[in-house]
Amino acid sequence: MRELLHGPHRFNQLREALPGISPHTLASRLRQFERHGIVIRTTYAEIPPRVEYALPPLGEGLRDVLEAMGTWPWRCRIPRPT
Protein backbone atom coordinates (compact mmCIF):
# COMPACT_ATOMS: atom_id res chain seq x y z
CA MET A 1 0.00 0.00 0.00
CA ARG A 2 2.85 2.39 0.65
CA GLU A 3 3.57 2.51 -3.08
CA LEU A 4 0.03 3.76 -3.69
CA LEU A 5 0.69 6.74 -1.42
CA HIS A 6 2.57 8.22 -4.39
CA GLY A 7 -0.37 7.87 -6.77
CA PRO A 8 -2.06 5.22 -8.92
CA HIS A 9 0.02 2.25 -10.07
CA ARG A 10 -0.46 -0.62 -12.46
CA PHE A 11 -0.06 -4.19 -11.24
CA ASN A 12 3.42 -4.67 -12.74
CA GLN A 13 4.62 -1.37 -11.27
CA LEU A 14 3.57 -2.59 -7.83
CA ARG A 15 5.17 -5.97 -8.40
CA GLU A 16 8.48 -4.36 -9.42
CA ALA A 17 8.40 -2.09 -6.37
CA LEU A 18 7.86 -5.04 -4.04
CA PRO A 19 10.63 -7.57 -4.70
CA GLY A 20 10.01 -10.98 -3.22
CA ILE A 21 6.22 -10.94 -3.44
CA SER A 22 4.67 -13.43 -5.83
CA PRO A 23 2.11 -12.22 -8.38
CA HIS A 24 -0.49 -14.50 -6.76
CA THR A 25 0.08 -13.00 -3.30
CA LEU A 26 0.03 -9.43 -4.59
CA ALA A 27 -3.20 -10.02 -6.52
CA SER A 28 -4.77 -11.65 -3.47
CA ARG A 29 -3.81 -8.73 -1.19
CA LEU A 30 -5.06 -6.16 -3.68
CA ARG A 31 -8.41 -8.00 -3.92
CA GLN A 32 -8.68 -8.03 -0.11
CA PHE A 33 -7.89 -4.32 0.11
CA GLU A 34 -10.42 -3.63 -2.63
CA ARG A 35 -13.14 -5.58 -0.80
CA HIS A 36 -12.49 -3.53 2.33
CA GLY A 37 -12.57 -0.22 0.42
CA ILE A 38 -8.90 0.54 1.07
CA VAL A 39 -7.90 0.30 -2.61
CA ILE A 40 -9.79 1.23 -5.77
CA ARG A 41 -9.27 -0.83 -8.93
CA THR A 42 -9.99 1.05 -12.16
CA THR A 43 -10.21 -0.80 -15.46
CA TYR A 44 -9.88 1.23 -18.65
CA ALA A 45 -11.63 0.09 -21.82
CA GLU A 46 -8.51 0.01 -23.95
CA ILE A 47 -6.73 -2.60 -25.99
CA PRO A 48 -4.82 -4.04 -24.28
CA PRO A 49 -6.85 -3.46 -21.11
CA ARG A 50 -5.25 -1.20 -18.53
CA VAL A 51 -5.90 -1.58 -14.80
CA GLU A 52 -4.74 0.86 -12.13
CA TYR A 53 -4.87 0.67 -8.37
CA ALA A 54 -5.23 3.79 -6.23
CA LEU A 55 -6.11 4.82 -2.70
CA PRO A 56 -9.58 6.25 -2.06
CA PRO A 57 -10.13 8.57 0.94
CA LEU A 58 -10.38 5.54 3.27
CA GLY A 59 -6.98 4.28 2.10
CA GLU A 60 -5.49 7.78 2.25
CA GLY A 61 -6.57 7.83 5.90
CA LEU A 62 -3.87 5.22 6.54
CA ARG A 63 -1.11 7.54 5.28
CA ASP A 64 0.08 8.54 8.77
CA VAL A 65 0.11 4.92 9.94
CA LEU A 66 2.03 3.70 6.89
CA GLU A 67 4.55 6.53 7.10
CA ALA A 68 5.07 5.88 10.82
CA MET A 69 5.65 2.19 10.10
CA GLY A 70 8.21 3.15 7.47
CA THR A 71 10.22 5.32 9.87
CA TRP A 72 9.90 3.08 12.92
CA PRO A 73 13.00 0.94 12.15
CA TRP A 74 15.13 4.10 11.94
CA ARG A 75 13.85 5.37 15.26
CA CYS A 76 14.53 1.99 16.87
CA ARG A 77 17.85 1.50 15.07
CA ILE A 78 16.69 -1.64 13.31
CA PRO A 79 18.60 -2.13 10.05
CA ARG A 80 16.52 -2.08 6.89
CA PRO A 81 16.63 -5.23 4.77
CA THR A 82 18.73 -4.97 1.62
C-alpha atoms as a PDB file:
ATOM      1  CA  MET A   1       0.000   0.000   0.000  1.00  0.00           C
ATOM      2  CA  ARG A   2       2.848   2.393   0.653  1.00  0.00           C
ATOM      3  CA  GLU A   3       3.569   2.509  -3.078  1.00  0.00           C
ATOM      4  CA  LEU A   4       0.031   3.759  -3.688  1.00  0.00           C
ATOM      5  CA  LEU A   5       0.688   6.743  -1.417  1.00  0.00           C
ATOM      6  CA  HIS A   6       2.566   8.222  -4.387  1.00  0.00           C
ATOM      7  CA  GLY A   7      -0.373   7.874  -6.774  1.00  0.00           C
ATOM      8  CA  PRO A   8      -2.059   5.224  -8.925  1.00  0.00           C
ATOM      9  CA  HIS A   9       0.018   2.248 -10.067  1.00  0.00           C
ATOM     10  CA  ARG A  10      -0.458  -0.618 -12.459  1.00  0.00           C
ATOM     11  CA  PHE A  11      -0.058  -4.191 -11.245  1.00  0.00           C
ATOM     12  CA  ASN A  12       3.419  -4.666 -12.741  1.00  0.00           C
ATOM     13  CA  GLN A  13       4.617  -1.369 -11.268  1.00  0.00           C
ATOM     14  CA  LEU A  14       3.567  -2.586  -7.834  1.00  0.00           C
ATOM     15  CA  ARG A  15       5.171  -5.972  -8.402  1.00  0.00           C
ATOM     16  CA  GLU A  16       8.475  -4.365  -9.422  1.00  0.00           C
ATOM     17  CA  ALA A  17       8.403  -2.088  -6.374  1.00  0.00           C
ATOM     18  CA  LEU A  18       7.861  -5.042  -4.035  1.00  0.00           C
ATOM     19  CA  PRO A  19      10.626  -7.568  -4.697  1.00  0.00           C
ATOM     20  CA  GLY A  20      10.014 -10.979  -3.220  1.00  0.00           C
ATOM     21  CA  ILE A  21       6.216 -10.936  -3.441  1.00  0.00           C
ATOM     22  CA  SER A  22       4.665 -13.425  -5.828  1.00  0.00           C
ATOM     23  CA  PRO A  23       2.110 -12.224  -8.385  1.00  0.00           C
ATOM     24  CA  HIS A  24      -0.486 -14.497  -6.757  1.00  0.00           C
ATOM     25  CA  THR A  25       0.077 -13.004  -3.296  1.00  0.00           C
ATOM     26  CA  LEU A  26       0.035  -9.432  -4.592  1.00  0.00           C
ATOM     27  CA  ALA A  27      -3.198 -10.022  -6.516  1.00  0.00           C
ATOM     28  CA  SER A  28      -4.767 -11.650  -3.465  1.00  0.00           C
ATOM     29  CA  ARG A  29      -3.814  -8.734  -1.188  1.00  0.00           C
ATOM     30  CA  LEU A  30      -5.063  -6.161  -3.684  1.00  0.00           C
ATOM     31  CA  ARG A  31      -8.411  -7.996  -3.915  1.00  0.00           C
ATOM     32  CA  GLN A  32      -8.680  -8.034  -0.108  1.00  0.00           C
ATOM     33  CA  PHE A  33      -7.889  -4.321   0.109  1.00  0.00           C
ATOM     34  CA  GLU A  34     -10.424  -3.633  -2.633  1.00  0.00           C
ATOM     35  CA  ARG A  35     -13.145  -5.583  -0.795  1.00  0.00           C
ATOM     36  CA  HIS A  36     -12.486  -3.527   2.332  1.00  0.00           C
ATOM     37  CA  GLY A  37     -12.571  -0.225   0.424  1.00  0.00           C
ATOM     38  CA  ILE A  38      -8.896   0.543   1.070  1.00  0.00           C
ATOM     39  CA  VAL A  39      -7.897   0.295  -2.610  1.00  0.00           C
ATOM     40  CA  ILE A  40      -9.790   1.229  -5.775  1.00  0.00           C
ATOM     41  CA  ARG A  41      -9.270  -0.831  -8.934  1.00  0.00           C
ATOM     42  CA  THR A  42      -9.986   1.053 -12.160  1.00  0.00           C
ATOM     43  CA  THR A  43     -10.207  -0.800 -15.458  1.00  0.00           C
ATOM     44  CA  TYR A  44      -9.881   1.234 -18.647  1.00  0.00           C
ATOM     45  CA  ALA A  45     -11.628   0.086 -21.825  1.00  0.00           C
ATOM     46  CA  GLU A  46      -8.507   0.012 -23.950  1.00  0.00           C
ATOM     47  CA  ILE A  47      -6.732  -2.604 -25.994  1.00  0.00           C
ATOM     48  CA  PRO A  48      -4.815  -4.043 -24.284  1.00  0.00           C
ATOM     49  CA  PRO A  49      -6.853  -3.455 -21.108  1.00  0.00           C
ATOM     50  CA  ARG A  50      -5.252  -1.205 -18.527  1.00  0.00           C
ATOM     51  CA  VAL A  51      -5.905  -1.582 -14.796  1.00  0.00           C
ATOM     52  CA  GLU A  52      -4.740   0.863 -12.132  1.00  0.00           C
ATOM     53  CA  TYR A  53      -4.871   0.671  -8.371  1.00  0.00           C
ATOM     54  CA  ALA A  54      -5.233   3.786  -6.232  1.00  0.00           C
ATOM     55  CA  LEU A  55      -6.108   4.820  -2.705  1.00  0.00           C
ATOM     56  CA  PRO A  56      -9.578   6.245  -2.059  1.00  0.00           C
ATOM     57  CA  PRO A  57     -10.126   8.567   0.938  1.00  0.00           C
ATOM     58  CA  LEU A  58     -10.379   5.542   3.273  1.00  0.00           C
ATOM     59  CA  GLY A  59      -6.979   4.280   2.097  1.00  0.00           C
ATOM     60  CA  GLU A  60      -5.492   7.783   2.252  1.00  0.00           C
ATOM     61  CA  GLY A  61      -6.570   7.827   5.901  1.00  0.00           C
ATOM     62  CA  LEU A  62      -3.875   5.219   6.538  1.00  0.00           C
ATOM     63  CA  ARG A  63      -1.111   7.541   5.280  1.00  0.00           C
ATOM     64  CA  ASP A  64       0.076   8.543   8.768  1.00  0.00           C
ATOM     65  CA  VAL A  65       0.107   4.922   9.943  1.00  0.00           C
ATOM     66  CA  LEU A  66       2.032   3.698   6.892  1.00  0.00           C
ATOM     67  CA  GLU A  67       4.553   6.529   7.099  1.00  0.00           C
ATOM     68  CA  ALA A  68       5.073   5.876  10.823  1.00  0.00           C
ATOM     69  CA  MET A  69       5.650   2.186  10.099  1.00  0.00           C
ATOM     70  CA  GLY A  70       8.212   3.150   7.468  1.00  0.00           C
ATOM     71  CA  THR A  71      10.217   5.325   9.870  1.00  0.00           C
ATOM     72  CA  TRP A  72       9.902   3.083  12.925  1.00  0.00           C
ATOM     73  CA  PRO A  73      12.995   0.941  12.149  1.00  0.00           C
ATOM     74  CA  TRP A  74      15.126   4.097  11.939  1.00  0.00           C
ATOM     75  CA  ARG A  75      13.855   5.370  15.262  1.00  0.00           C
ATOM     76  CA  CYS A  76      14.530   1.991  16.871  1.00  0.00           C
ATOM     77  CA  ARG A  77      17.853   1.500  15.071  1.00  0.00           C
ATOM     78  CA  ILE A  78      16.685  -1.640  13.314  1.00  0.00           C
ATOM     79  CA  PRO A  79      18.601  -2.133  10.045  1.00  0.00           C
ATOM     80  CA  ARG A  80      16.523  -2.079   6.891  1.00  0.00           C
ATOM     81  CA  PRO A  81      16.634  -5.233   4.770  1.00  0.00           C
ATOM     82  CA  THR A  82      18.731  -4.966   1.622  1.00  0.00           C
END
